[in-house]
Protein backbone atom coordinates (compact mmCIF):
# COMPACT_ATOMS: atom_id res chain seq x y z
CA MET A 1 -134.66 -27.11 151.27
CA MET A 2 -136.21 -29.84 148.98
CA GLY A 3 -139.87 -30.40 149.63
CA TYR A 4 -140.19 -27.80 152.30
CA GLY A 5 -144.24 -27.48 152.89
CA THR A 6 -145.21 -30.39 151.42
CA GLY A 7 -145.34 -32.62 154.45
CA LEU A 8 -144.18 -35.85 152.50
CA GLY A 9 -142.31 -34.31 149.82
CA LEU A 10 -143.82 -35.36 147.06
CA GLY A 11 -144.66 -32.16 145.75
CA PHE A 12 -147.92 -30.61 143.87
CA GLY A 13 -148.62 -33.36 141.67
CA GLY A 14 -147.55 -36.49 143.54
CA MET A 15 -150.33 -34.92 146.27
CA PHE A 16 -152.78 -35.26 143.43
CA TRP A 17 -151.94 -38.55 142.80
CA MET A 18 -152.13 -39.55 146.52
CA VAL A 19 -155.30 -38.30 146.97
CA GLY A 20 -156.99 -39.87 143.85
CA PHE A 21 -155.80 -43.35 145.06
CA VAL A 22 -157.13 -42.96 148.58
CA LEU A 23 -160.00 -41.98 146.79
CA VAL A 24 -160.08 -45.23 144.11
CA ILE A 25 -159.86 -47.17 146.97
CA VAL A 26 -162.61 -45.80 148.80
CA GLY A 27 -164.73 -46.05 146.13
CA LEU A 28 -163.94 -49.78 145.30
CA VAL A 29 -164.72 -50.53 148.93
CA VAL A 30 -167.81 -48.33 148.83
CA LEU A 31 -168.75 -50.73 145.63
CA VAL A 32 -167.85 -53.85 146.94
CA ALA A 33 -170.22 -53.04 150.05
CA TRP A 34 -173.27 -51.92 147.77
CA ALA A 35 -173.15 -55.35 145.69
CA VAL A 36 -172.96 -57.29 148.77
CA SER A 37 -175.98 -55.79 150.73
CA ARG A 38 -178.30 -55.45 147.40
CA SER A 39 -177.56 -59.12 146.80
CA ALA A 40 -178.50 -60.07 150.17
CA THR A 41 -181.53 -57.80 150.51
CA ARG A 42 -184.46 -56.39 148.49
CA ALA A 43 -185.01 -52.58 148.65
CA ASP A 44 -187.63 -52.61 151.30
CA GLY A 45 -184.95 -54.37 153.27
CA ALA A 46 -186.38 -58.41 153.54
CA ALA A 47 -184.20 -60.82 152.61
CA ALA A 48 -183.74 -61.62 148.82
CA PRO A 49 -186.60 -64.38 147.91
CA ILE A 50 -185.27 -67.86 147.14
CA ALA A 51 -186.43 -69.53 143.99
CA ARG A 52 -189.08 -72.48 144.93
CA ASP A 53 -186.47 -74.95 143.23
CA ASP A 54 -184.18 -73.89 145.30
CA ALA A 55 -186.38 -74.21 148.36
CA LEU A 56 -187.55 -77.75 147.35
CA ASP A 57 -183.94 -78.28 147.05
CA ILE A 58 -183.15 -77.29 151.21
CA LEU A 59 -186.50 -79.29 151.88
CA ARG A 60 -185.01 -82.43 150.46
CA ALA A 61 -181.73 -81.90 152.11
CA ARG A 62 -183.33 -81.26 155.54
CA PHE A 63 -185.35 -84.36 155.30
CA ALA A 64 -182.49 -86.34 154.29
CA ARG A 65 -180.19 -85.42 157.13
CA GLY A 66 -183.44 -86.28 159.48
CA GLU A 67 -184.12 -82.64 160.62
CA ILE A 68 -187.67 -82.93 159.65
CA SER A 69 -190.29 -85.56 159.61
CA GLU A 70 -191.96 -87.09 156.84
CA ALA A 71 -195.07 -85.51 157.50
CA GLU A 72 -193.18 -81.50 158.14
CA TYR A 73 -191.80 -82.29 154.55
CA THR A 74 -194.98 -83.32 153.01
CA GLN A 75 -196.45 -80.64 154.30
CA ALA A 76 -193.99 -77.94 153.55
CA ALA A 77 -193.41 -79.67 150.07
CA SER A 78 -197.14 -79.28 149.04
CA VAL A 79 -197.08 -75.85 150.21
CA LEU A 80 -194.20 -74.60 148.18
CA ARG A 81 -195.39 -76.43 145.16
CA SER A 82 -199.02 -74.83 145.06
CA GLU A 83 -197.90 -71.01 145.95
CA ARG A 84 -197.57 -69.57 142.54
């Protein structure tokens, strides 16, 4: 009766390997989830700030696509350039 009582026939050492493998997989999933959430939000839960140059690029692209008017573009660009 080989493997009697082990359930999977892995023996005592094999069960340690199986549990270790599961812990490694769970650890990797948790690490990836943590990294994704950290890059998307700050510690206080607010969205991560966009750099001013990135915001101006987004604004230019929206103006070029016709999503905003020239007046809206000018006003928003002046606000972004004046914030320090």
